[in-house]
Amino acid sequence: MDGSGLLALSEERQKQVDAVLTRFFSLAKNRASAFGQQYVCLWETLEKNTIGGKRFRPRMVMAAYQALGGTDLDAAANVGAAFELLHTALIVHDDVIDHDFVRRGVPNISGTYRDLALANGRSERIAEHSGISAAVIAGDLALFNSYRLIDRSGVSGEIRSRLVEVMDEALFASAAGELIDVDFSIVAEVPGVDDILTMERLKTAVYSFEGPLPGSARTSSFTRSP
């Protein structure tokens, strides 16, 4: 297959992942409506913050899965969507830690809720607290539901358990890397290159590469639960 064919195939797989995420958010917003419009708006804002990225991690999952002979693309799309939602959760929380209010050139969740509070006449301090609080809640929801997407993938019990372990290992490492990054910000000396690479590997590379690829390997022969 030539380059254009591979690109078309990648785009098709991305559409499958996008469909999973669209369905997930649609169900979540319908469920949230029982708790009031404000909760629905939080889910809508979280959904918007999953749009605009490269979908790199689910592309990795889908490409590796097929390369290893996997054929259940619907289930694989759920796994890819789970890694994308995990990525969303981590960058939402990372923006909170860094006190950032913009992501991909537009207001992130913190920025959206901060701006809304400012428009309603709140002070800057209160508005920023509102934005950060909303982002923490949204990040928690994305984090928890990344695991739920694994549960909803329909794969068999043993493989599902292993997928959850892969997700857990990725999240565990990312938290360690984030803590190292925080520590770097309060020390006087400039960290060494090896220390920076270790931080970046734990914070980002484990859940971006080391998670999706082993996850695909583990699921290349999975079957849906009866």
C-alpha atoms as a PDB file:
ATOM      1  CA  MET A   1       0.000   0.000   0.000  1.00  0.00           C
ATOM      2  CA  ASP A   2       1.387   3.418  -0.975  1.00  0.00           C
ATOM      3  CA  GLY A   3       1.523   6.517   1.206  1.00  0.00           C
ATOM      4  CA  SER A   4      -1.836   7.880   0.093  1.00  0.00           C
ATOM      5  CA  GLY A   5      -3.480   4.532   0.802  1.00  0.00           C
ATOM      6  CA  LEU A   6      -1.988   4.380   4.292  1.00  0.00           C
ATOM      7  CA  LEU A   7      -3.146   7.918   4.987  1.00  0.00           C
ATOM      8  CA  ALA A   8      -6.672   7.102   3.843  1.00  0.00           C
ATOM      9  CA  LEU A   9      -6.692   4.001   6.049  1.00  0.00           C
ATOM     10  CA  SER A  10      -5.477   6.039   9.025  1.00  0.00           C
ATOM     11  CA  GLU A  11      -8.192   8.610   8.449  1.00  0.00           C
ATOM     12  CA  GLU A  12     -10.807   5.874   8.291  1.00  0.00           C
ATOM     13  CA  ARG A  13      -9.615   4.409  11.598  1.00  0.00           C
ATOM     14  CA  GLN A  14      -9.677   7.871  13.148  1.00  0.00           C
ATOM     15  CA  LYS A  15     -13.317   8.222  12.105  1.00  0.00           C
ATOM     16  CA  GLN A  16     -14.069   5.003  13.983  1.00  0.00           C
ATOM     17  CA  VAL A  17     -12.439   6.383  17.133  1.00  0.00           C
ATOM     18  CA  ASP A  18     -14.239   9.703  16.685  1.00  0.00           C
ATOM     19  CA  ALA A  19     -17.531   7.825  16.429  1.00  0.00           C
ATOM     20  CA  VAL A  20     -16.834   6.081  19.738  1.00  0.00           C
ATOM     21  CA  LEU A  21     -16.068   9.400  21.430  1.00  0.00           C
ATOM     22  CA  THR A  22     -19.140  11.068  19.909  1.00  0.00           C
ATOM     23  CA  ARG A  23     -21.333   8.259  21.193  1.00  0.00           C
ATOM     24  CA  PHE A  24     -19.650   8.367  24.610  1.00  0.00           C
ATOM     25  CA  PHE A  25     -20.193  12.109  25.031  1.00  0.00           C
ATOM     26  CA  SER A  26     -23.757  11.910  23.738  1.00  0.00           C
ATOM     27  CA  LEU A  27     -24.615   9.322  26.379  1.00  0.00           C
ATOM     28  CA  ALA A  28     -22.781  11.290  29.078  1.00  0.00           C
ATOM     29  CA  LYS A  29     -24.624  14.520  28.233  1.00  0.00           C
ATOM     30  CA  ASN A  30     -27.976  12.743  28.244  1.00  0.00           C
ATOM     31  CA  ARG A  31     -27.137  11.271  31.634  1.00  0.00           C
ATOM     32  CA  ALA A  32     -25.929  14.650  32.923  1.00  0.00           C
ATOM     33  CA  SER A  33     -29.212  16.319  32.002  1.00  0.00           C
ATOM     34  CA  ALA A  34     -30.813  14.743  35.066  1.00  0.00           C
ATOM     35  CA  PHE A  35     -28.450  16.836  37.204  1.00  0.00           C
ATOM     36  CA  GLY A  36     -29.075  20.162  35.517  1.00  0.00           C
ATOM     37  CA  GLN A  37     -27.900  22.232  32.580  1.00  0.00           C
ATOM     38  CA  GLN A  38     -24.684  23.331  34.299  1.00  0.00           C
ATOM     39  CA  TYR A  39     -23.506  19.738  34.413  1.00  0.00           C
ATOM     40  CA  VAL A  40     -24.410  19.266  30.749  1.00  0.00           C
ATOM     41  CA  CYS A  41     -22.351  22.369  29.933  1.00  0.00           C
ATOM     42  CA  LEU A  42     -19.338  20.908  31.725  1.00  0.00           C
ATOM     43  CA  TRP A  43     -19.573  17.771  29.606  1.00  0.00           C
ATOM     44  CA  GLU A  44     -19.971  19.878  26.458  1.00  0.00           C
ATOM     45  CA  THR A  45     -16.849  21.829  27.383  1.00  0.00           C
ATOM     46  CA  LEU A  46     -14.916  18.634  28.050  1.00  0.00           C
ATOM     47  CA  GLU A  47     -16.017  17.263  24.678  1.00  0.00           C
ATOM     48  CA  LYS A  48     -14.814  20.424  22.917  1.00  0.00           C
ATOM     49  CA  ASN A  49     -11.442  19.992  24.584  1.00  0.00           C
ATOM     50  CA  THR A  50     -11.025  16.566  22.977  1.00  0.00           C
ATOM     51  CA  ILE A  51     -11.384  18.118  19.509  1.00  0.00           C
ATOM     52  CA  GLY A  52      -8.484  19.611  17.587  1.00  0.00           C
ATOM     53  CA  GLY A  53      -5.740  17.197  18.546  1.00  0.00           C
ATOM     54  CA  LYS A  54      -3.948  14.818  16.223  1.00  0.00           C
ATOM     55  CA  ARG A  55      -5.558  11.674  17.688  1.00  0.00           C
ATOM     56  CA  PHE A  56      -2.014  10.349  17.754  1.00  0.00           C
ATOM     57  CA  ARG A  57      -2.531   7.774  20.512  1.00  0.00           C
ATOM     58  CA  PRO A  58      -5.634   6.099  19.059  1.00  0.00           C
ATOM     59  CA  ARG A  59      -3.932   6.065  15.667  1.00  0.00           C
ATOM     60  CA  MET A  60      -1.063   4.179  17.314  1.00  0.00           C
ATOM     61  CA  VAL A  61      -3.481   1.717  18.866  1.00  0.00           C
ATOM     62  CA  MET A  62      -5.368   1.068  15.644  1.00  0.00           C
ATOM     63  CA  ALA A  63      -2.295   0.835  13.401  1.00  0.00           C
ATOM     64  CA  ALA A  64      -0.424  -1.507  15.738  1.00  0.00           C
ATOM     65  CA  TYR A  65      -3.517  -3.624  16.347  1.00  0.00           C
ATOM     66  CA  GLN A  66      -4.083  -4.202  12.640  1.00  0.00           C
ATOM     67  CA  ALA A  67      -0.387  -4.767  11.968  1.00  0.00           C
ATOM     68  CA  LEU A  68      -0.458  -7.556  14.549  1.00  0.00           C
ATOM     69  CA  GLY A  69      -3.405  -9.217  12.842  1.00  0.00           C
ATOM     70  CA  GLY A  70      -6.299  -7.877  14.886  1.00  0.00           C
ATOM     71  CA  THR A  71      -9.685  -7.840  13.169  1.00  0.00           C
ATOM     72  CA  ASP A  72     -12.214  -6.530  15.729  1.00  0.00           C
ATOM     73  CA  LEU A  73     -11.876  -2.874  14.765  1.00  0.00           C
ATOM     74  CA  ASP A  74     -14.921  -1.745  16.717  1.00  0.00           C
ATOM     75  CA  ALA A  75     -13.421  -3.008  19.947  1.00  0.00           C
ATOM     76  CA  ALA A  76     -10.017  -1.588  19.010  1.00  0.00           C
ATOM     77  CA  ALA A  77     -11.642   1.804  18.392  1.00  0.00           C
ATOM     78  CA  ASN A  78     -12.949   1.741  21.954  1.00  0.00           C
ATOM     79  CA  VAL A  79      -9.442   1.046  23.248  1.00  0.00           C
ATOM     80  CA  GLY A  80      -8.056   3.852  21.095  1.00  0.00           C
ATOM     81  CA  ALA A  81     -10.750   6.195  22.399  1.00  0.00           C
ATOM     82  CA  ALA A  82      -9.830   5.204  25.948  1.00  0.00           C
ATOM     83  CA  PHE A  83      -6.235   6.323  25.399  1.00  0.00           C
ATOM     84  CA  GLU A  84      -7.459   9.573  23.847  1.00  0.00           C
ATOM     85  CA  LEU A  85      -9.687  10.251  26.842  1.00  0.00           C
ATOM     86  CA  LEU A  86      -6.778   9.448  29.159  1.00  0.00           C
ATOM     87  CA  HIS A  87      -4.686  11.972  27.219  1.00  0.00           C
ATOM     88  CA  THR A  88      -7.458  14.557  27.597  1.00  0.00           C
ATOM     89  CA  ALA A  89      -7.615  13.972  31.352  1.00  0.00           C
ATOM     90  CA  LEU A  90      -3.870  14.353  31.770  1.00  0.00           C
ATOM     91  CA  ILE A  91      -3.564  17.553  29.747  1.00  0.00           C
ATOM     92  CA  VAL A  92      -6.560  19.087  31.533  1.00  0.00           C
ATOM     93  CA  HIS A  93      -4.892  18.425  34.879  1.00  0.00           C
ATOM     94  CA  ASP A  94      -1.504  19.499  33.507  1.00  0.00           C
ATOM     95  CA  ASP A  95      -2.981  22.865  32.529  1.00  0.00           C
ATOM     96  CA  VAL A  96      -4.334  23.221  36.065  1.00  0.00           C
ATOM     97  CA  ILE A  97      -0.899  22.500  37.530  1.00  0.00           C
ATOM     98  CA  ASP A  98       0.761  24.962  35.143  1.00  0.00           C
ATOM     99  CA  HIS A  99      -1.980  27.544  35.688  1.00  0.00           C
ATOM    100  CA  ASP A 100      -2.579  27.694  31.937  1.00  0.00           C
ATOM    101  CA  PHE A 101      -5.897  28.911  30.561  1.00  0.00           C
ATOM    102  CA  VAL A 102      -5.290  28.266  26.846  1.00  0.00           C
ATOM    103  CA  ARG A 103      -4.717  25.034  24.924  1.00  0.00           C
ATOM    104  CA  ARG A 104      -4.295  24.725  21.145  1.00  0.00           C
ATOM    105  CA  GLY A 105      -4.772  28.463  20.782  1.00  0.00           C
ATOM    106  CA  VAL A 106      -8.216  28.606  22.407  1.00  0.00           C
ATOM    107  CA  PRO A 107      -9.464  28.724  26.011  1.00  0.00           C
ATOM    108  CA  ASN A 108      -9.173  25.362  27.713  1.00  0.00           C
ATOM    109  CA  ILE A 109     -11.622  24.232  30.381  1.00  0.00           C
ATOM    110  CA  SER A 110     -10.040  26.475  33.008  1.00  0.00           C
ATOM    111  CA  GLY A 111     -10.070  29.383  30.577  1.00  0.00           C
ATOM    112  CA  THR A 112     -13.638  28.801  29.485  1.00  0.00           C
ATOM    113  CA  TYR A 113     -15.013  28.839  33.014  1.00  0.00           C
ATOM    114  CA  ARG A 114     -12.745  31.681  34.080  1.00  0.00           C
ATOM    115  CA  ASP A 115     -13.951  33.802  31.177  1.00  0.00           C
ATOM    116  CA  LEU A 116     -17.559  32.940  31.946  1.00  0.00           C
ATOM    117  CA  ALA A 117     -17.128  34.035  35.564  1.00  0.00           C
ATOM    118  CA  LEU A 118     -15.415  37.256  34.471  1.00  0.00           C
ATOM    119  CA  ALA A 119     -18.280  37.972  32.077  1.00  0.00           C
ATOM    120  CA  ASN A 120     -20.656  37.560  35.009  1.00  0.00           C
ATOM    121  CA  GLY A 121     -18.820  40.227  36.964  1.00  0.00           C
ATOM    122  CA  ARG A 122     -16.712  38.055  39.254  1.00  0.00           C
ATOM    123  CA  SER A 123     -13.278  39.202  40.383  1.00  0.00           C
ATOM    124  CA  GLU A 124     -10.216  37.782  38.644  1.00  0.00           C
ATOM    125  CA  ARG A 125      -9.282  35.744  41.712  1.00  0.00           C
ATOM    126  CA  ILE A 126     -12.729  34.194  42.014  1.00  0.00           C
ATOM    127  CA  ALA A 127     -12.972  33.673  38.232  1.00  0.00           C
ATOM    128  CA  GLU A 128      -9.654  31.830  38.116  1.00  0.00           C
ATOM    129  CA  HIS A 129     -10.696  29.675  41.067  1.00  0.00           C
ATOM    130  CA  SER A 130     -13.928  28.827  39.241  1.00  0.00           C
ATOM    131  CA  GLY A 131     -12.039  27.891  36.084  1.00  0.00           C
ATOM    132  CA  ILE A 132      -9.489  25.727  37.851  1.00  0.00           C
ATOM    133  CA  SER A 133     -12.173  23.990  39.913  1.00  0.00           C
ATOM    134  CA  ALA A 134     -14.211  23.123  36.821  1.00  0.00           C
ATOM    135  CA  ALA A 135     -11.099  21.770  35.106  1.00  0.00           C
ATOM    136  CA  VAL A 136     -10.251  19.514  38.045  1.00  0.00           C
ATOM    137  CA  ILE A 137     -13.769  18.069  37.967  1.00  0.00           C
ATOM    138  CA  ALA A 138     -13.705  17.612  34.180  1.00  0.00           C
ATOM    139  CA  GLY A 139     -10.273  15.992  34.289  1.00  0.00           C
ATOM    140  CA  ASP A 140     -11.472  13.574  36.946  1.00  0.00           C
ATOM    141  CA  LEU A 141     -14.440  12.622  34.780  1.00  0.00           C
ATOM    142  CA  ALA A 142     -12.235  12.041  31.735  1.00  0.00           C
ATOM    143  CA  LEU A 143      -9.768   9.987  33.767  1.00  0.00           C
ATOM    144  CA  PHE A 144     -12.367   7.705  35.279  1.00  0.00           C
ATOM    145  CA  ASN A 145     -14.217   7.233  32.004  1.00  0.00           C
ATOM    146  CA  SER A 146     -11.062   6.290  30.115  1.00  0.00           C
ATOM    147  CA  TYR A 147     -11.213   3.084  32.149  1.00  0.00           C
ATOM    148  CA  ARG A 148     -14.928   2.764  31.514  1.00  0.00           C
ATOM    149  CA  LEU A 149     -14.315   2.813  27.758  1.00  0.00           C
ATOM    150  CA  ILE A 150     -12.125  -0.264  28.219  1.00  0.00           C
ATOM    151  CA  ASP A 151     -15.004  -1.923  30.066  1.00  0.00           C
ATOM    152  CA  ARG A 152     -17.373  -1.016  27.237  1.00  0.00           C
ATOM    153  CA  SER A 153     -15.101  -2.318  24.495  1.00  0.00           C
ATOM    154  CA  GLY A 154     -16.655  -5.759  24.750  1.00  0.00           C
ATOM    155  CA  VAL A 155     -13.361  -7.652  24.936  1.00  0.00           C
ATOM    156  CA  SER A 156     -13.059 -10.851  26.941  1.00  0.00           C
ATOM    157  CA  GLY A 157     -12.432 -10.753  30.684  1.00  0.00           C
ATOM    158  CA  GLU A 158      -8.764 -11.758  30.695  1.00  0.00           C
ATOM    159  CA  ILE A 159      -7.769  -9.323  27.963  1.00  0.00           C
ATOM    160  CA  ARG A 160      -9.883  -6.577  29.493  1.00  0.00           C
ATOM    161  CA  SER A 161      -8.045  -7.037  32.780  1.00  0.00           C
ATOM    162  CA  ARG A 162      -4.711  -6.777  31.011  1.00  0.00           C
ATOM    163  CA  LEU A 163      -5.804  -3.636  29.177  1.00  0.00           C
ATOM    164  CA  VAL A 164      -6.758  -2.055  32.491  1.00  0.00           C
ATOM    165  CA  GLU A 165      -3.316  -2.994  33.821  1.00  0.00           C
ATOM    166  CA  VAL A 166      -1.673  -1.286  30.837  1.00  0.00           C
ATOM    167  CA  MET A 167      -3.755   1.840  31.450  1.00  0.00           C
ATOM    168  CA  ASP A 168      -2.924   1.716  35.138  1.00  0.00           C
ATOM    169  CA  GLU A 169       0.804   1.397  34.468  1.00  0.00           C
ATOM    170  CA  ALA A 170       0.651   4.339  32.061  1.00  0.00           C
ATOM    171  CA  LEU A 171      -1.236   6.547  34.512  1.00  0.00           C
ATOM    172  CA  PHE A 172       0.998   5.538  37.423  1.00  0.00           C
ATOM    173  CA  ALA A 173       4.111   6.485  35.458  1.00  0.00           C
ATOM    174  CA  SER A 174       2.595   9.727  34.196  1.00  0.00           C
ATOM    175  CA  ALA A 175       1.783  10.853  37.735  1.00  0.00           C
ATOM    176  CA  ALA A 176       5.392  10.198  38.743  1.00  0.00           C
ATOM    177  CA  GLY A 177       6.636  12.218  35.779  1.00  0.00           C
ATOM    178  CA  GLU A 178       4.272  15.083  36.566  1.00  0.00           C
ATOM    179  CA  LEU A 179       5.532  15.182  40.144  1.00  0.00           C
ATOM    180  CA  ILE A 180       9.132  15.324  38.928  1.00  0.00           C
ATOM    181  CA  ASP A 181       8.157  18.207  36.637  1.00  0.00           C
ATOM    182  CA  VAL A 182       6.604  20.042  39.588  1.00  0.00           C
ATOM    183  CA  ASP A 183       9.755  19.444  41.633  1.00  0.00           C
ATOM    184  CA  PHE A 184      11.873  20.895  38.806  1.00  0.00           C
ATOM    185  CA  SER A 185       9.922  24.153  39.088  1.00  0.00           C
ATOM    186  CA  ILE A 186      10.935  24.763  42.704  1.00  0.00           C
ATOM    187  CA  VAL A 187      14.629  23.860  42.669  1.00  0.00           C
ATOM    188  CA  ALA A 188      17.302  26.459  42.069  1.00  0.00           C
ATOM    189  CA  GLU A 189      19.580  24.405  39.861  1.00  0.00           C
ATOM    190  CA  VAL A 190      18.804  23.515  36.253  1.00  0.00           C
ATOM    191  CA  PRO A 191      18.024  19.782  35.940  1.00  0.00           C
ATOM    192  CA  GLY A 192      20.346  17.651  33.853  1.00  0.00           C
ATOM    193  CA  VAL A 193      19.448  16.324  30.424  1.00  0.00           C
ATOM    194  CA  ASP A 194      19.070  12.762  31.703  1.00  0.00           C
ATOM    195  CA  ASP A 195      16.724  13.944  34.451  1.00  0.00           C
ATOM    196  CA  ILE A 196      14.626  15.888  31.933  1.00  0.00           C
ATOM    197  CA  LEU A 197      14.430  12.893  29.606  1.00  0.00           C
ATOM    198  CA  THR A 198      13.348  10.673  32.487  1.00  0.00           C
ATOM    199  CA  MET A 199      10.634  13.148  33.399  1.00  0.00           C
ATOM    200  CA  GLU A 200       9.398  13.402  29.813  1.00  0.00           C
ATOM    201  CA  ARG A 201       9.380   9.643  29.371  1.00  0.00           C
ATOM    202  CA  LEU A 202       7.348   9.064  32.519  1.00  0.00           C
ATOM    203  CA  LYS A 203       5.042  12.046  32.066  1.00  0.00           C
ATOM    204  CA  THR A 204       4.257  11.614  28.369  1.00  0.00           C
ATOM    205  CA  ALA A 205       6.022   8.797  26.513  1.00  0.00           C
ATOM    206  CA  VAL A 206       4.729   5.933  28.660  1.00  0.00           C
ATOM    207  CA  TYR A 207       1.058   6.636  28.003  1.00  0.00           C
ATOM    208  CA  SER A 208       1.695   7.866  24.438  1.00  0.00           C
ATOM    209  CA  PHE A 209       3.905   5.031  23.173  1.00  0.00           C
ATOM    210  CA  GLU A 210       4.595   2.359  25.766  1.00  0.00           C
ATOM    211  CA  GLY A 211       0.911   2.046  26.621  1.00  0.00           C
ATOM    212  CA  PRO A 212      -0.788   2.025  23.214  1.00  0.00           C
ATOM    213  CA  LEU A 213       1.729  -0.338  21.627  1.00  0.00           C
ATOM    214  CA  PRO A 214       1.719  -3.082  24.315  1.00  0.00           C
ATOM    215  CA  GLY A 215      -2.025  -2.613  24.608  1.00  0.00           C
ATOM    216  CA  SER A 216      -2.381  -3.340  20.899  1.00  0.00           C
ATOM    217  CA  ALA A 217      -0.097  -6.360  21.191  1.00  0.00           C
ATOM    218  CA  ARG A 218      -2.151  -7.719  24.044  1.00  0.00           C
ATOM    219  CA  THR A 219      -5.425  -7.257  22.180  1.00  0.00           C
ATOM    220  CA  SER A 220      -4.449  -8.357  18.672  1.00  0.00           C
ATOM    221  CA  SER A 221      -6.286 -11.642  19.197  1.00  0.00           C
ATOM    222  CA  PHE A 222      -9.020 -10.513  21.539  1.00  0.00           C
ATOM    223  CA  THR A 223     -12.611 -11.572  21.196  1.00  0.00           C
ATOM    224  CA  ARG A 224     -15.746  -9.948  22.443  1.00  0.00           C
ATOM    225  CA  SER A 225     -17.383 -11.338  25.544  1.00  0.00           C
ATOM    226  CA  PRO A 226     -20.427 -13.480  24.778  1.00  0.00           C
END
